[in-house]
Amino acid sequence: MAQTIKEMVYSTVSPEEVFESFYGLNHRERQTYEEILAAEEPLSVETIAERMDCSLSTAYRYVDALETHNLVHETGLYDGEYLKSGYTATEPAVIAEHMFDYVDFKYQKCERNIEAIANRNEEPGDCEETEWDRPGTFLSH
């Protein structure tokens, strides 16, 4: 069962847990993001699998989950012989800015609905899904 707003406000969570929860990532996906972020050059999926000590298919799943949320981006990586896919991480400051924007957007939606409760003669705020409500979309703004 999902936490209530009151439970969320009073709980103590680490920045890592907030990041995981915000994007619906598991612990290993977040660690993969951190590994890509720490790299000085784009990482291939093979390198990610090696560094994360996982199978190639698992590394692809991790990268796919991160790409879905625009946390990593595909780029070309020349390995001396061939050009293949490499991945770079979106900077944490960019992610944090978009997280703030998203939370602000949701806050404004909640505030309109709370005001509608206080002023029973008003219509409730718009609860329709917007592009901000779909995973992975708000980082593209």
N, C-alpha and C. Protein backbone atom coordinates (compact mmCIF):
# COMPACT_ATOMS: atom_id res chain seq x y z
N MET A 1 0.84 -1.17 0.00
CA MET A 1 0.00 0.00 0.00
C MET A 1 0.89 1.24 0.00
N ALA A 2 0.52 2.24 -0.76
CA ALA A 2 1.29 3.47 -0.87
C ALA A 2 1.26 4.24 0.45
N GLN A 3 2.34 4.98 0.68
CA GLN A 3 2.41 5.81 1.88
C GLN A 3 1.43 6.98 1.76
N THR A 4 0.88 7.40 2.89
CA THR A 4 0.06 8.60 2.89
C THR A 4 0.98 9.81 2.85
N ILE A 5 0.43 10.96 2.53
CA ILE A 5 1.23 12.19 2.50
C ILE A 5 1.83 12.44 3.88
N LYS A 6 1.04 12.22 4.93
CA LYS A 6 1.53 12.43 6.29
C LYS A 6 2.72 11.51 6.59
N GLU A 7 2.64 10.24 6.18
CA GLU A 7 3.74 9.31 6.40
C GLU A 7 4.99 9.76 5.64
N MET A 8 4.80 10.24 4.43
CA MET A 8 5.95 10.70 3.65
C MET A 8 6.63 11.89 4.29
N VAL A 9 5.83 12.82 4.79
CA VAL A 9 6.39 14.04 5.39
C VAL A 9 7.19 13.72 6.65
N TYR A 10 6.71 12.76 7.44
CA TYR A 10 7.36 12.45 8.69
C TYR A 10 8.43 11.37 8.60
N SER A 11 8.60 10.77 7.45
CA SER A 11 9.61 9.73 7.34
C SER A 11 10.98 10.33 7.04
N THR A 12 12.00 9.62 7.44
CA THR A 12 13.36 10.03 7.17
C THR A 12 13.88 9.18 6.02
N VAL A 13 14.21 9.84 4.93
CA VAL A 13 14.73 9.11 3.77
C VAL A 13 16.03 9.76 3.32
N SER A 14 16.89 8.95 2.76
CA SER A 14 18.16 9.45 2.25
C SER A 14 17.95 10.02 0.85
N PRO A 15 18.88 10.85 0.37
CA PRO A 15 18.78 11.35 -1.00
C PRO A 15 18.71 10.22 -2.03
N GLU A 16 19.43 9.14 -1.76
CA GLU A 16 19.41 8.00 -2.68
C GLU A 16 18.02 7.38 -2.75
N GLU A 17 17.35 7.27 -1.58
CA GLU A 17 16.00 6.71 -1.56
C GLU A 17 15.01 7.63 -2.26
N VAL A 18 15.18 8.94 -2.11
CA VAL A 18 14.31 9.89 -2.80
C VAL A 18 14.49 9.73 -4.31
N PHE A 19 15.72 9.64 -4.76
CA PHE A 19 16.03 9.47 -6.18
C PHE A 19 15.39 8.18 -6.71
N GLU A 20 15.58 7.08 -5.99
CA GLU A 20 15.01 5.79 -6.41
C GLU A 20 13.50 5.86 -6.47
N SER A 21 12.90 6.41 -5.43
CA SER A 21 11.44 6.48 -5.35
C SER A 21 10.87 7.39 -6.43
N PHE A 22 11.50 8.52 -6.64
CA PHE A 22 11.02 9.50 -7.61
C PHE A 22 10.90 8.89 -9.00
N TYR A 23 11.89 8.09 -9.38
CA TYR A 23 11.92 7.51 -10.72
C TYR A 23 11.46 6.06 -10.76
N GLY A 24 11.13 5.48 -9.62
CA GLY A 24 10.71 4.09 -9.59
C GLY A 24 11.85 3.14 -9.91
N LEU A 25 13.06 3.52 -9.51
CA LEU A 25 14.25 2.69 -9.76
C LEU A 25 14.48 1.74 -8.61
N ASN A 26 15.12 0.63 -8.92
CA ASN A 26 15.58 -0.21 -7.83
C ASN A 26 17.01 0.21 -7.46
N HIS A 27 17.51 -0.37 -6.40
CA HIS A 27 18.82 0.01 -5.87
C HIS A 27 19.93 -0.16 -6.92
N ARG A 28 19.90 -1.27 -7.64
CA ARG A 28 20.94 -1.55 -8.64
C ARG A 28 20.86 -0.59 -9.83
N GLU A 29 19.67 -0.18 -10.22
CA GLU A 29 19.53 0.80 -11.31
C GLU A 29 20.13 2.14 -10.89
N ARG A 30 19.88 2.52 -9.63
CA ARG A 30 20.47 3.77 -9.13
C ARG A 30 21.99 3.65 -9.09
N GLN A 31 22.50 2.52 -8.65
CA GLN A 31 23.95 2.31 -8.64
C GLN A 31 24.53 2.37 -10.06
N THR A 32 23.80 1.87 -11.03
CA THR A 32 24.25 1.93 -12.42
C THR A 32 24.33 3.38 -12.87
N TYR A 33 23.33 4.19 -12.52
CA TYR A 33 23.38 5.61 -12.84
C TYR A 33 24.64 6.23 -12.23
N GLU A 34 24.91 5.96 -10.99
CA GLU A 34 26.08 6.52 -10.31
C GLU A 34 27.38 6.08 -10.97
N GLU A 35 27.42 4.83 -11.41
CA GLU A 35 28.61 4.30 -12.10
C GLU A 35 28.83 5.04 -13.42
N ILE A 36 27.76 5.26 -14.17
CA ILE A 36 27.88 5.98 -15.44
C ILE A 36 28.24 7.44 -15.19
N LEU A 37 27.67 8.04 -14.16
CA LEU A 37 27.96 9.43 -13.81
C LEU A 37 29.44 9.61 -13.44
N ALA A 38 29.99 8.66 -12.72
CA ALA A 38 31.37 8.76 -12.25
C ALA A 38 32.40 8.53 -13.37
N ALA A 39 31.97 7.92 -14.45
CA ALA A 39 32.89 7.59 -15.54
C ALA A 39 33.37 8.86 -16.24
N GLU A 40 34.62 8.85 -16.66
CA GLU A 40 35.19 10.00 -17.35
C GLU A 40 34.85 10.02 -18.84
N GLU A 41 34.37 8.90 -19.34
CA GLU A 41 33.98 8.81 -20.75
C GLU A 41 32.72 7.95 -20.83
N PRO A 42 32.02 7.97 -21.97
CA PRO A 42 30.83 7.13 -22.09
C PRO A 42 31.17 5.66 -21.83
N LEU A 43 30.23 4.95 -21.24
CA LEU A 43 30.43 3.53 -20.94
C LEU A 43 29.57 2.69 -21.87
N SER A 44 30.16 1.61 -22.38
CA SER A 44 29.40 0.64 -23.17
C SER A 44 28.61 -0.24 -22.21
N VAL A 45 27.62 -0.92 -22.72
CA VAL A 45 26.84 -1.83 -21.89
C VAL A 45 27.73 -2.96 -21.38
N GLU A 46 28.68 -3.37 -22.19
CA GLU A 46 29.61 -4.42 -21.76
C GLU A 46 30.41 -3.97 -20.54
N THR A 47 30.87 -2.73 -20.57
CA THR A 47 31.63 -2.18 -19.44
C THR A 47 30.73 -2.03 -18.21
N ILE A 48 29.50 -1.60 -18.44
CA ILE A 48 28.55 -1.47 -17.34
C ILE A 48 28.32 -2.84 -16.69
N ALA A 49 28.13 -3.87 -17.52
CA ALA A 49 27.91 -5.23 -16.99
C ALA A 49 29.10 -5.67 -16.15
N GLU A 50 30.28 -5.37 -16.63
CA GLU A 50 31.49 -5.75 -15.91
C GLU A 50 31.59 -5.01 -14.58
N ARG A 51 31.38 -3.70 -14.60
CA ARG A 51 31.49 -2.90 -13.38
C ARG A 51 30.39 -3.21 -12.37
N MET A 52 29.21 -3.55 -12.87
CA MET A 52 28.09 -3.85 -11.98
C MET A 52 28.05 -5.33 -11.60
N ASP A 53 28.97 -6.10 -12.17
CA ASP A 53 29.04 -7.53 -11.90
C ASP A 53 27.68 -8.20 -12.16
N CYS A 54 27.20 -8.01 -13.40
CA CYS A 54 25.92 -8.59 -13.79
C CYS A 54 26.01 -9.08 -15.23
N SER A 55 25.00 -9.77 -15.67
CA SER A 55 24.97 -10.26 -17.04
C SER A 55 24.73 -9.09 -18.00
N LEU A 56 25.03 -9.32 -19.25
CA LEU A 56 24.83 -8.31 -20.28
C LEU A 56 23.35 -7.95 -20.39
N SER A 57 22.47 -8.94 -20.33
CA SER A 57 21.03 -8.65 -20.44
C SER A 57 20.54 -7.82 -19.26
N THR A 58 21.08 -8.08 -18.08
CA THR A 58 20.71 -7.28 -16.92
C THR A 58 21.21 -5.85 -17.07
N ALA A 59 22.42 -5.68 -17.56
CA ALA A 59 22.96 -4.34 -17.79
C ALA A 59 22.09 -3.58 -18.79
N TYR A 60 21.65 -4.25 -19.84
CA TYR A 60 20.74 -3.62 -20.80
C TYR A 60 19.43 -3.19 -20.13
N ARG A 61 18.90 -4.00 -19.22
CA ARG A 61 17.69 -3.62 -18.50
C ARG A 61 17.93 -2.38 -17.63
N TYR A 62 19.07 -2.35 -16.95
CA TYR A 62 19.40 -1.18 -16.13
C TYR A 62 19.47 0.08 -17.00
N VAL A 63 20.18 -0.01 -18.10
CA VAL A 63 20.33 1.14 -18.99
C VAL A 63 18.98 1.55 -19.56
N ASP A 64 18.16 0.59 -19.94
CA ASP A 64 16.84 0.89 -20.49
C ASP A 64 15.98 1.63 -19.47
N ALA A 65 16.02 1.19 -18.21
CA ALA A 65 15.26 1.86 -17.15
C ALA A 65 15.74 3.30 -16.99
N LEU A 66 17.03 3.52 -17.04
CA LEU A 66 17.59 4.87 -16.90
C LEU A 66 17.26 5.73 -18.11
N GLU A 67 17.32 5.15 -19.30
CA GLU A 67 16.98 5.89 -20.51
C GLU A 67 15.51 6.30 -20.52
N THR A 68 14.64 5.44 -20.01
CA THR A 68 13.21 5.74 -19.96
C THR A 68 12.95 7.05 -19.24
N HIS A 69 13.75 7.33 -18.24
CA HIS A 69 13.57 8.54 -17.43
C HIS A 69 14.55 9.66 -17.82
N ASN A 70 15.23 9.48 -18.94
CA ASN A 70 16.20 10.48 -19.42
C ASN A 70 17.32 10.74 -18.42
N LEU A 71 17.68 9.72 -17.67
CA LEU A 71 18.78 9.84 -16.71
C LEU A 71 20.12 9.54 -17.35
N VAL A 72 20.11 8.81 -18.46
CA VAL A 72 21.31 8.57 -19.26
C VAL A 72 20.95 8.78 -20.72
N HIS A 73 21.99 9.05 -21.51
CA HIS A 73 21.79 9.29 -22.94
C HIS A 73 22.79 8.46 -23.73
N GLU A 74 22.32 7.95 -24.84
CA GLU A 74 23.17 7.16 -25.73
C GLU A 74 24.05 8.10 -26.55
N THR A 75 25.27 7.70 -26.73
CA THR A 75 26.22 8.46 -27.53
C THR A 75 27.15 7.48 -28.23
N GLY A 76 27.87 7.96 -29.22
CA GLY A 76 28.81 7.09 -29.91
C GLY A 76 30.07 6.86 -29.08
N LEU A 77 30.59 5.66 -29.17
CA LEU A 77 31.80 5.31 -28.42
C LEU A 77 32.69 4.50 -29.36
N TYR A 78 33.86 5.02 -29.65
CA TYR A 78 34.80 4.34 -30.54
C TYR A 78 35.73 3.48 -29.70
N ASP A 79 35.74 2.19 -29.94
CA ASP A 79 36.55 1.28 -29.13
C ASP A 79 37.88 0.92 -29.79
N GLY A 80 38.31 1.69 -30.76
CA GLY A 80 39.56 1.41 -31.45
C GLY A 80 39.34 0.74 -32.78
N GLU A 81 38.30 -0.05 -32.89
CA GLU A 81 37.96 -0.74 -34.13
C GLU A 81 36.59 -0.35 -34.65
N TYR A 82 35.63 -0.26 -33.74
CA TYR A 82 34.25 -0.04 -34.13
C TYR A 82 33.63 1.12 -33.35
N LEU A 83 32.61 1.70 -33.96
CA LEU A 83 31.80 2.70 -33.27
C LEU A 83 30.61 1.95 -32.68
N LYS A 84 30.42 2.05 -31.38
CA LYS A 84 29.30 1.38 -30.74
C LYS A 84 28.62 2.35 -29.78
N SER A 85 27.57 1.87 -29.15
CA SER A 85 26.81 2.72 -28.24
C SER A 85 27.52 2.84 -26.90
N GLY A 86 27.57 4.06 -26.42
CA GLY A 86 28.07 4.35 -25.08
C GLY A 86 27.02 5.17 -24.37
N TYR A 87 27.12 5.29 -23.06
CA TYR A 87 26.11 6.00 -22.29
C TYR A 87 26.76 6.99 -21.35
N THR A 88 26.17 8.18 -21.31
CA THR A 88 26.58 9.23 -20.38
C THR A 88 25.39 9.57 -19.49
N ALA A 89 25.68 10.07 -18.32
CA ALA A 89 24.63 10.40 -17.35
C ALA A 89 24.22 11.86 -17.45
N THR A 90 22.95 12.10 -17.23
CA THR A 90 22.45 13.46 -17.09
C THR A 90 23.00 14.00 -15.78
N GLU A 91 23.45 15.23 -15.79
CA GLU A 91 24.05 15.83 -14.59
C GLU A 91 23.03 15.91 -13.44
N PRO A 92 23.46 15.64 -12.22
CA PRO A 92 22.56 15.69 -11.07
C PRO A 92 21.86 17.04 -10.90
N ALA A 93 22.53 18.14 -11.22
CA ALA A 93 21.90 19.45 -11.08
C ALA A 93 20.70 19.59 -12.01
N VAL A 94 20.81 19.04 -13.20
CA VAL A 94 19.70 19.08 -14.17
C VAL A 94 18.54 18.23 -13.66
N ILE A 95 18.88 17.05 -13.15
CA ILE A 95 17.85 16.16 -12.60
C ILE A 95 17.16 16.82 -11.41
N ALA A 96 17.93 17.41 -10.51
CA ALA A 96 17.35 18.06 -9.33
C ALA A 96 16.43 19.21 -9.74
N GLU A 97 16.84 19.99 -10.72
CA GLU A 97 16.00 21.11 -11.18
C GLU A 97 14.66 20.59 -11.70
N HIS A 98 14.68 19.52 -12.46
CA HIS A 98 13.45 18.97 -12.99
C HIS A 98 12.61 18.30 -11.90
N MET A 99 13.26 17.73 -10.91
CA MET A 99 12.52 17.16 -9.78
C MET A 99 11.79 18.28 -9.03
N PHE A 100 12.47 19.41 -8.82
CA PHE A 100 11.82 20.56 -8.18
C PHE A 100 10.64 21.04 -9.00
N ASP A 101 10.81 21.14 -10.31
CA ASP A 101 9.73 21.59 -11.19
C ASP A 101 8.53 20.65 -11.10
N TYR A 102 8.79 19.36 -11.08
CA TYR A 102 7.73 18.37 -11.00
C TYR A 102 6.99 18.46 -9.67
N VAL A 103 7.75 18.55 -8.59
CA VAL A 103 7.13 18.64 -7.27
C VAL A 103 6.31 19.92 -7.17
N ASP A 104 6.82 21.02 -7.71
CA ASP A 104 6.08 22.28 -7.70
C ASP A 104 4.78 22.15 -8.49
N PHE A 105 4.84 21.50 -9.64
CA PHE A 105 3.65 21.28 -10.46
C PHE A 105 2.61 20.48 -9.67
N LYS A 106 3.03 19.39 -9.03
CA LYS A 106 2.11 18.56 -8.25
C LYS A 106 1.57 19.33 -7.04
N TYR A 107 2.41 20.14 -6.42
CA TYR A 107 1.98 20.94 -5.28
C TYR A 107 0.86 21.88 -5.71
N GLN A 108 1.04 22.54 -6.84
CA GLN A 108 0.01 23.46 -7.33
C GLN A 108 -1.31 22.74 -7.61
N LYS A 109 -1.23 21.52 -8.16
CA LYS A 109 -2.44 20.73 -8.39
C LYS A 109 -3.14 20.41 -7.07
N CYS A 110 -2.36 19.99 -6.07
CA CYS A 110 -2.93 19.68 -4.75
C CYS A 110 -3.52 20.92 -4.11
N GLU A 111 -2.83 22.04 -4.23
CA GLU A 111 -3.29 23.28 -3.63
C GLU A 111 -4.64 23.70 -4.21
N ARG A 112 -4.83 23.56 -5.53
CA ARG A 112 -6.11 23.90 -6.15
C ARG A 112 -7.22 23.00 -5.61
N ASN A 113 -6.93 21.73 -5.42
CA ASN A 113 -7.95 20.82 -4.90
C ASN A 113 -8.27 21.10 -3.44
N ILE A 114 -7.28 21.47 -2.66
CA ILE A 114 -7.52 21.82 -1.26
C ILE A 114 -8.36 23.09 -1.17
N GLU A 115 -8.07 24.06 -2.03
CA GLU A 115 -8.87 25.29 -2.07
C GLU A 115 -10.31 24.99 -2.46
N ALA A 116 -10.52 24.04 -3.36
CA ALA A 116 -11.87 23.67 -3.76
C ALA A 116 -12.63 23.04 -2.59
N ILE A 117 -11.93 22.32 -1.73
CA ILE A 117 -12.57 21.75 -0.54
C ILE A 117 -13.00 22.87 0.41
N ALA A 118 -12.12 23.85 0.59
CA ALA A 118 -12.41 24.97 1.49
C ALA A 118 -13.56 25.83 0.96
N ASN A 119 -13.65 25.96 -0.32
CA ASN A 119 -14.69 26.78 -0.96
C ASN A 119 -15.64 25.85 -1.71
N ARG A 120 -16.50 25.19 -0.97
CA ARG A 120 -17.35 24.13 -1.52
C ARG A 120 -18.11 24.55 -2.78
N ASN A 121 -18.25 25.81 -3.04
CA ASN A 121 -19.00 26.23 -4.21
C ASN A 121 -18.14 26.21 -5.48
N GLU A 122 -16.84 25.95 -5.35
CA GLU A 122 -15.97 25.90 -6.52
C GLU A 122 -15.86 24.48 -7.04
N GLU A 123 -15.53 24.37 -8.30
CA GLU A 123 -15.26 23.07 -8.88
C GLU A 123 -13.86 22.62 -8.47
N PRO A 124 -13.66 21.32 -8.28
CA PRO A 124 -12.31 20.85 -7.94
C PRO A 124 -11.35 21.11 -9.10
N GLY A 125 -10.06 21.15 -8.77
CA GLY A 125 -9.04 21.37 -9.78
C GLY A 125 -8.99 20.23 -10.77
N ASP A 126 -8.30 20.46 -11.84
CA ASP A 126 -8.17 19.47 -12.90
C ASP A 126 -7.33 18.30 -12.43
N CYS A 127 -7.91 17.11 -12.41
CA CYS A 127 -7.18 15.92 -11.99
C CYS A 127 -6.83 15.04 -13.18
N GLU A 128 -7.03 15.54 -14.38
CA GLU A 128 -6.69 14.76 -15.56
C GLU A 128 -5.19 14.56 -15.64
N GLU A 129 -4.79 13.44 -16.21
CA GLU A 129 -3.37 13.16 -16.40
C GLU A 129 -2.80 14.16 -17.41
N THR A 130 -1.62 14.64 -17.11
CA THR A 130 -0.92 15.55 -18.02
C THR A 130 0.39 14.90 -18.42
N GLU A 131 1.12 15.56 -19.30
CA GLU A 131 2.42 15.01 -19.70
C GLU A 131 3.36 14.89 -18.51
N TRP A 132 3.17 15.71 -17.48
CA TRP A 132 4.01 15.64 -16.29
C TRP A 132 3.72 14.39 -15.46
N ASP A 133 2.55 13.77 -15.70
CA ASP A 133 2.16 12.60 -14.92
C ASP A 133 2.70 11.30 -15.50
N ARG A 134 3.23 11.34 -16.70
CA ARG A 134 3.73 10.12 -17.34
C ARG A 134 5.22 9.98 -17.07
N PRO A 135 5.69 8.79 -16.72
CA PRO A 135 7.10 8.59 -16.39
C PRO A 135 8.01 8.98 -17.54
N GLY A 136 9.11 9.62 -17.17
CA GLY A 136 10.15 9.88 -18.15
C GLY A 136 9.92 11.08 -19.04
N THR A 137 8.80 11.77 -18.88
CA THR A 137 8.52 12.85 -19.82
C THR A 137 9.01 14.21 -19.34
N PHE A 138 9.01 14.43 -18.03
CA PHE A 138 9.28 15.79 -17.58
C PHE A 138 10.72 16.21 -17.75
N LEU A 139 11.66 15.29 -17.88
CA LEU A 139 13.04 15.68 -18.08
C LEU A 139 13.30 16.21 -19.49
N SER A 140 12.37 15.99 -20.38
CA SER A 140 12.56 16.45 -21.75
C SER A 140 12.11 17.90 -21.93
N HIS A 141 11.62 18.53 -20.87
CA HIS A 141 11.15 19.93 -20.98
C HIS A 141 12.29 20.89 -20.78
